[in-house]
Amino acid sequence: MFFRIYKPGQGKYTRLCSALGTALIVGLGCLRLYHLLEATDLGLWVESMVPAGLLVALGILIFYFMNKPSVADFLIAGEGEMKKVSWSSRKEIAVSTFIVIVVVVFMAVLLGATDTGFRLFFDWLFA
């Protein structure tokens, strides 16, 4: 059966988010196509029904691919691996981010001072 969901309940969030993200891209593409066709003189029927038909066809294709066994098993396995990840605490992330920002600013100042020093040295040498 075409509209049967493969392994329902498994990988639910990964498949749902992947389908919604893909549908968003398809929807924006069809909207862009509508605006491009609107600028032509093809008539309202073509301007509206071509993007709508494409949206429906690609929606069915997205549903098919999200329930295709190889794709669905990959997404289910991906969600299973994400559940195994040991996520850092909010405090650890804040401290790490602060350290990275401090090191980047320090390196920028150091490289800027080095560049200025070399510029002054070579200006003095060749002047």
N, C-alpha and C. Protein backbone atom coordinates (compact mmCIF):
# COMPACT_ATOMS: atom_id res chain seq x y z
N MET A 1 0.84 -1.18 0.00
CA MET A 1 0.00 0.00 0.00
C MET A 1 0.89 1.25 0.00
N PHE A 2 0.57 2.21 -0.82
CA PHE A 2 1.43 3.38 -1.02
C PHE A 2 1.44 4.31 0.19
N PHE A 3 0.31 4.50 0.83
CA PHE A 3 0.22 5.46 1.92
C PHE A 3 0.41 4.81 3.30
N ARG A 4 1.06 3.66 3.34
CA ARG A 4 1.37 3.00 4.60
C ARG A 4 2.64 3.60 5.17
N ILE A 5 2.66 3.87 6.48
CA ILE A 5 3.84 4.44 7.11
C ILE A 5 4.74 3.28 7.54
N TYR A 6 5.99 3.33 7.08
CA TYR A 6 6.97 2.29 7.37
C TYR A 6 7.47 2.48 8.80
N LYS A 7 7.37 1.44 9.60
CA LYS A 7 7.79 1.44 11.00
C LYS A 7 7.27 2.68 11.75
N PRO A 8 5.95 2.77 11.91
CA PRO A 8 5.40 3.95 12.58
C PRO A 8 5.88 4.03 14.03
N GLY A 9 6.12 5.21 14.49
CA GLY A 9 6.57 5.42 15.86
C GLY A 9 8.08 5.41 16.02
N GLN A 10 8.80 4.87 15.06
CA GLN A 10 10.25 4.85 15.14
C GLN A 10 10.82 5.98 14.30
N GLY A 11 11.74 6.72 14.89
CA GLY A 11 12.34 7.83 14.17
C GLY A 11 11.33 8.92 13.84
N LYS A 12 10.32 9.04 14.69
CA LYS A 12 9.20 9.95 14.41
C LYS A 12 9.66 11.39 14.23
N TYR A 13 10.47 11.89 15.16
CA TYR A 13 10.86 13.30 15.10
C TYR A 13 11.84 13.57 13.97
N THR A 14 12.75 12.65 13.73
CA THR A 14 13.71 12.84 12.64
C THR A 14 13.00 12.85 11.30
N ARG A 15 12.10 11.92 11.10
CA ARG A 15 11.37 11.88 9.83
C ARG A 15 10.45 13.08 9.68
N LEU A 16 9.80 13.47 10.78
CA LEU A 16 8.89 14.61 10.71
C LEU A 16 9.65 15.89 10.40
N CYS A 17 10.75 16.12 11.10
CA CYS A 17 11.53 17.35 10.85
C CYS A 17 12.16 17.34 9.46
N SER A 18 12.63 16.18 9.01
CA SER A 18 13.19 16.10 7.65
C SER A 18 12.11 16.38 6.60
N ALA A 19 10.94 15.83 6.81
CA ALA A 19 9.84 16.04 5.86
C ALA A 19 9.40 17.50 5.88
N LEU A 20 9.30 18.10 7.06
CA LEU A 20 8.87 19.50 7.14
C LEU A 20 9.92 20.43 6.52
N GLY A 21 11.18 20.15 6.76
CA GLY A 21 12.24 20.97 6.15
C GLY A 21 12.23 20.87 4.64
N THR A 22 12.07 19.66 4.14
CA THR A 22 12.01 19.46 2.69
C THR A 22 10.75 20.12 2.12
N ALA A 23 9.63 19.99 2.83
CA ALA A 23 8.38 20.60 2.37
C ALA A 23 8.49 22.13 2.36
N LEU A 24 9.20 22.69 3.31
CA LEU A 24 9.41 24.14 3.34
C LEU A 24 10.20 24.59 2.10
N ILE A 25 11.25 23.85 1.79
CA ILE A 25 12.05 24.18 0.61
C ILE A 25 11.22 24.05 -0.66
N VAL A 26 10.44 22.99 -0.77
CA VAL A 26 9.59 22.78 -1.94
C VAL A 26 8.53 23.88 -2.03
N GLY A 27 7.93 24.21 -0.89
CA GLY A 27 6.90 25.25 -0.89
C GLY A 27 7.44 26.60 -1.32
N LEU A 28 8.63 26.95 -0.81
CA LEU A 28 9.24 28.22 -1.21
C LEU A 28 9.62 28.20 -2.69
N GLY A 29 10.07 27.05 -3.19
CA GLY A 29 10.38 26.93 -4.61
C GLY A 29 9.14 27.09 -5.47
N CYS A 30 8.03 26.49 -5.04
CA CYS A 30 6.78 26.62 -5.80
C CYS A 30 6.26 28.05 -5.75
N LEU A 31 6.44 28.73 -4.61
CA LEU A 31 6.05 30.13 -4.51
C LEU A 31 6.88 30.99 -5.47
N ARG A 32 8.16 30.70 -5.52
CA ARG A 32 9.04 31.43 -6.45
C ARG A 32 8.62 31.17 -7.90
N LEU A 33 8.29 29.91 -8.21
CA LEU A 33 7.82 29.58 -9.56
C LEU A 33 6.53 30.33 -9.87
N TYR A 34 5.64 30.42 -8.90
CA TYR A 34 4.38 31.16 -9.10
C TYR A 34 4.67 32.62 -9.45
N HIS A 35 5.60 33.23 -8.70
CA HIS A 35 5.92 34.64 -8.97
C HIS A 35 6.61 34.80 -10.34
N LEU A 36 7.41 33.84 -10.73
CA LEU A 36 8.03 33.91 -12.06
C LEU A 36 7.00 33.75 -13.17
N LEU A 37 6.05 32.83 -12.98
CA LEU A 37 5.01 32.63 -13.99
C LEU A 37 4.02 33.79 -14.01
N GLU A 38 3.86 34.45 -12.88
CA GLU A 38 2.96 35.59 -12.79
C GLU A 38 3.43 36.74 -13.69
N ALA A 39 4.74 36.84 -13.87
CA ALA A 39 5.31 37.90 -14.70
C ALA A 39 5.12 37.62 -16.19
N THR A 40 4.75 36.40 -16.55
CA THR A 40 4.54 36.07 -17.96
C THR A 40 3.08 36.31 -18.33
N ASP A 41 2.74 36.05 -19.56
CA ASP A 41 1.37 36.25 -20.05
C ASP A 41 0.69 34.91 -20.33
N LEU A 42 0.86 33.94 -19.45
CA LEU A 42 0.34 32.59 -19.71
C LEU A 42 -1.10 32.41 -19.23
N GLY A 43 -1.60 33.30 -18.42
CA GLY A 43 -2.96 33.18 -17.91
C GLY A 43 -2.96 32.68 -16.48
N LEU A 44 -4.04 32.98 -15.78
CA LEU A 44 -4.14 32.65 -14.36
C LEU A 44 -4.12 31.14 -14.11
N TRP A 45 -4.73 30.38 -15.00
CA TRP A 45 -4.79 28.93 -14.83
C TRP A 45 -3.39 28.32 -14.78
N VAL A 46 -2.54 28.65 -15.72
CA VAL A 46 -1.18 28.12 -15.77
C VAL A 46 -0.35 28.67 -14.62
N GLU A 47 -0.52 29.97 -14.37
CA GLU A 47 0.27 30.62 -13.31
C GLU A 47 0.03 30.00 -11.94
N SER A 48 -1.19 29.55 -11.68
CA SER A 48 -1.50 29.02 -10.36
C SER A 48 -1.48 27.49 -10.30
N MET A 49 -1.91 26.82 -11.36
CA MET A 49 -2.04 25.37 -11.29
C MET A 49 -0.72 24.63 -11.50
N VAL A 50 0.21 25.20 -12.25
CA VAL A 50 1.51 24.53 -12.42
C VAL A 50 2.25 24.46 -11.08
N PRO A 51 2.40 25.58 -10.35
CA PRO A 51 3.06 25.46 -9.04
C PRO A 51 2.27 24.61 -8.05
N ALA A 52 0.92 24.69 -8.09
CA ALA A 52 0.11 23.88 -7.17
C ALA A 52 0.26 22.39 -7.49
N GLY A 53 0.23 22.05 -8.77
CA GLY A 53 0.41 20.65 -9.15
C GLY A 53 1.80 20.14 -8.79
N LEU A 54 2.79 20.98 -9.00
CA LEU A 54 4.16 20.61 -8.64
C LEU A 54 4.28 20.43 -7.13
N LEU A 55 3.63 21.29 -6.35
CA LEU A 55 3.64 21.18 -4.90
C LEU A 55 3.01 19.87 -4.44
N VAL A 56 1.90 19.50 -5.02
CA VAL A 56 1.23 18.24 -4.67
C VAL A 56 2.10 17.04 -5.07
N ALA A 57 2.64 17.08 -6.27
CA ALA A 57 3.47 15.96 -6.75
C ALA A 57 4.71 15.80 -5.88
N LEU A 58 5.36 16.90 -5.56
CA LEU A 58 6.56 16.81 -4.72
C LEU A 58 6.22 16.45 -3.28
N GLY A 59 5.03 16.85 -2.81
CA GLY A 59 4.58 16.44 -1.48
C GLY A 59 4.41 14.93 -1.40
N ILE A 60 3.83 14.35 -2.43
CA ILE A 60 3.67 12.89 -2.48
C ILE A 60 5.04 12.22 -2.55
N LEU A 61 5.95 12.79 -3.33
CA LEU A 61 7.31 12.26 -3.44
C LEU A 61 8.04 12.33 -2.09
N ILE A 62 7.87 13.42 -1.36
CA ILE A 62 8.48 13.54 -0.03
C ILE A 62 7.93 12.46 0.89
N PHE A 63 6.59 12.27 0.88
CA PHE A 63 5.99 11.22 1.70
C PHE A 63 6.54 9.85 1.34
N TYR A 64 6.70 9.60 0.03
CA TYR A 64 7.23 8.32 -0.43
C TYR A 64 8.66 8.11 0.09
N PHE A 65 9.50 9.15 -0.05
CA PHE A 65 10.89 8.99 0.37
C PHE A 65 11.04 8.88 1.88
N MET A 66 10.20 9.57 2.65
CA MET A 66 10.29 9.48 4.10
C MET A 66 9.86 8.10 4.60
N ASN A 67 9.10 7.36 3.79
CA ASN A 67 8.66 6.02 4.16
C ASN A 67 9.34 4.92 3.37
N LYS A 68 10.28 5.28 2.52
CA LYS A 68 11.07 4.28 1.79
C LYS A 68 11.94 3.57 2.83
N PRO A 69 11.97 2.25 2.85
CA PRO A 69 12.68 1.53 3.91
C PRO A 69 14.13 1.93 4.11
N SER A 70 14.89 2.14 3.05
CA SER A 70 16.30 2.48 3.24
C SER A 70 16.46 3.87 3.86
N VAL A 71 15.67 4.83 3.40
CA VAL A 71 15.74 6.19 3.95
C VAL A 71 15.21 6.21 5.38
N ALA A 72 14.08 5.56 5.60
CA ALA A 72 13.48 5.54 6.93
C ALA A 72 14.40 4.85 7.93
N ASP A 73 15.01 3.74 7.55
CA ASP A 73 15.94 3.06 8.46
C ASP A 73 17.14 3.93 8.79
N PHE A 74 17.64 4.69 7.81
CA PHE A 74 18.75 5.61 8.06
C PHE A 74 18.35 6.69 9.06
N LEU A 75 17.16 7.28 8.87
CA LEU A 75 16.69 8.32 9.77
C LEU A 75 16.41 7.77 11.17
N ILE A 76 15.87 6.55 11.24
CA ILE A 76 15.63 5.90 12.54
C ILE A 76 16.95 5.67 13.26
N ALA A 77 17.95 5.17 12.53
CA ALA A 77 19.27 4.94 13.13
C ALA A 77 19.91 6.25 13.57
N GLY A 78 19.73 7.31 12.77
CA GLY A 78 20.27 8.62 13.13
C GLY A 78 19.66 9.14 14.41
N GLU A 79 18.34 8.99 14.56
CA GLU A 79 17.69 9.43 15.79
C GLU A 79 18.14 8.59 16.98
N GLY A 80 18.35 7.31 16.76
CA GLY A 80 18.85 6.45 17.83
C GLY A 80 20.24 6.86 18.29
N GLU A 81 21.10 7.24 17.35
CA GLU A 81 22.45 7.70 17.70
C GLU A 81 22.41 9.03 18.45
N MET A 82 21.49 9.90 18.05
CA MET A 82 21.39 11.20 18.73
C MET A 82 20.94 11.04 20.18
N LYS A 83 20.18 9.98 20.47
CA LYS A 83 19.77 9.74 21.85
C LYS A 83 20.94 9.27 22.71
N LYS A 84 21.99 8.75 22.09
CA LYS A 84 23.16 8.27 22.82
C LYS A 84 24.16 9.37 23.12
N VAL A 85 23.99 10.53 22.50
CA VAL A 85 24.96 11.62 22.64
C VAL A 85 24.91 12.17 24.06
N SER A 86 26.08 12.43 24.61
CA SER A 86 26.19 13.06 25.93
C SER A 86 26.32 14.56 25.70
N TRP A 87 25.25 15.29 25.95
CA TRP A 87 25.23 16.72 25.68
C TRP A 87 25.85 17.48 26.84
N SER A 88 26.56 18.55 26.54
CA SER A 88 27.17 19.39 27.56
C SER A 88 26.09 20.21 28.25
N SER A 89 26.41 20.62 29.49
CA SER A 89 25.45 21.44 30.22
C SER A 89 25.51 22.88 29.69
N ARG A 90 24.53 23.65 30.06
CA ARG A 90 24.47 25.05 29.62
C ARG A 90 25.67 25.83 30.13
N LYS A 91 26.08 25.55 31.38
CA LYS A 91 27.22 26.25 31.97
C LYS A 91 28.51 25.91 31.22
N GLU A 92 28.71 24.63 30.89
CA GLU A 92 29.91 24.23 30.14
C GLU A 92 29.97 24.91 28.77
N ILE A 93 28.84 25.00 28.10
CA ILE A 93 28.80 25.64 26.79
C ILE A 93 29.10 27.13 26.92
N ALA A 94 28.55 27.78 27.95
CA ALA A 94 28.80 29.21 28.14
C ALA A 94 30.27 29.48 28.43
N VAL A 95 30.89 28.65 29.29
CA VAL A 95 32.31 28.83 29.61
C VAL A 95 33.17 28.57 28.38
N SER A 96 32.88 27.52 27.65
CA SER A 96 33.65 27.20 26.44
C SER A 96 33.52 28.32 25.40
N THR A 97 32.33 28.84 25.22
CA THR A 97 32.12 29.93 24.28
C THR A 97 32.90 31.17 24.69
N PHE A 98 32.89 31.49 25.98
CA PHE A 98 33.64 32.64 26.49
C PHE A 98 35.13 32.46 26.24
N ILE A 99 35.65 31.27 26.48
CA ILE A 99 37.07 31.00 26.25
C ILE A 99 37.42 31.17 24.77
N VAL A 100 36.58 30.67 23.90
CA VAL A 100 36.83 30.79 22.46
C VAL A 100 36.84 32.26 22.05
N ILE A 101 35.89 33.04 22.55
CA ILE A 101 35.84 34.46 22.20
C ILE A 101 37.08 35.17 22.70
N VAL A 102 37.52 34.89 23.94
CA VAL A 102 38.72 35.53 24.49
C VAL A 102 39.95 35.17 23.66
N VAL A 103 40.09 33.89 23.29
CA VAL A 103 41.25 33.46 22.50
C VAL A 103 41.24 34.11 21.12
N VAL A 104 40.08 34.22 20.49
CA VAL A 104 39.98 34.84 19.17
C VAL A 104 40.35 36.32 19.25
N VAL A 105 39.86 37.02 20.27
CA VAL A 105 40.20 38.44 20.42
C VAL A 105 41.70 38.59 20.70
N PHE A 106 42.25 37.74 21.56
CA PHE A 106 43.69 37.79 21.87
C PHE A 106 44.52 37.56 20.61
N MET A 107 44.15 36.55 19.82
CA MET A 107 44.90 36.26 18.59
C MET A 107 44.77 37.40 17.58
N ALA A 108 43.59 38.02 17.51
CA ALA A 108 43.40 39.14 16.59
C ALA A 108 44.29 40.31 17.00
N VAL A 109 44.35 40.59 18.30
CA VAL A 109 45.21 41.68 18.78
C VAL A 109 46.68 41.34 18.52
N LEU A 110 47.06 40.09 18.80
CA LEU A 110 48.45 39.67 18.59
C LEU A 110 48.84 39.76 17.11
N LEU A 111 47.98 39.27 16.22
CA LEU A 111 48.28 39.34 14.79
C LEU A 111 48.27 40.79 14.29
N GLY A 112 47.36 41.60 14.80
CA GLY A 112 47.34 43.01 14.42
C GLY A 112 48.60 43.73 14.86
N ALA A 113 49.06 43.45 16.09
CA ALA A 113 50.30 44.07 16.58
C ALA A 113 51.50 43.60 15.77
N THR A 114 51.54 42.31 15.45
CA THR A 114 52.63 41.77 14.64
C THR A 114 52.63 42.42 13.25
N ASP A 115 51.48 42.53 12.65
CA ASP A 115 51.36 43.16 11.34
C ASP A 115 51.82 44.62 11.39
N THR A 116 51.39 45.33 12.41
CA THR A 116 51.80 46.73 12.55
C THR A 116 53.31 46.83 12.76
N GLY A 117 53.85 45.92 13.59
CA GLY A 117 55.30 45.91 13.81
C GLY A 117 56.08 45.65 12.54
N PHE A 118 55.66 44.67 11.77
CA PHE A 118 56.34 44.39 10.50
C PHE A 118 56.20 45.56 9.53
N ARG A 119 55.02 46.18 9.47
CA ARG A 119 54.81 47.32 8.58
C ARG A 119 55.75 48.47 8.95
N LEU A 120 55.84 48.76 10.26
CA LEU A 120 56.73 49.83 10.70
C LEU A 120 58.20 49.49 10.42
N PHE A 121 58.56 48.23 10.65
CA PHE A 121 59.94 47.79 10.40
C PHE A 121 60.30 47.94 8.93
N PHE A 122 59.42 47.47 8.04
CA PHE A 122 59.72 47.54 6.61
C PHE A 122 59.62 48.97 6.08
N ASP A 123 58.73 49.77 6.65
CA ASP A 123 58.70 51.19 6.27
C ASP A 123 60.02 51.88 6.66
N TRP A 124 60.54 51.56 7.85
CA TRP A 124 61.83 52.12 8.31
C TRP A 124 62.97 51.59 7.46
N LEU A 125 62.92 50.28 7.11
CA LEU A 125 64.01 49.65 6.36
C LEU A 125 64.10 50.20 4.94
N PHE A 126 62.95 50.39 4.28
CA PHE A 126 62.96 50.82 2.87
C PHE A 126 62.74 52.32 2.69
N ALA A 127 62.67 53.06 3.77
CA ALA A 127 62.42 54.50 3.64
C ALA A 127 63.71 55.28 3.49
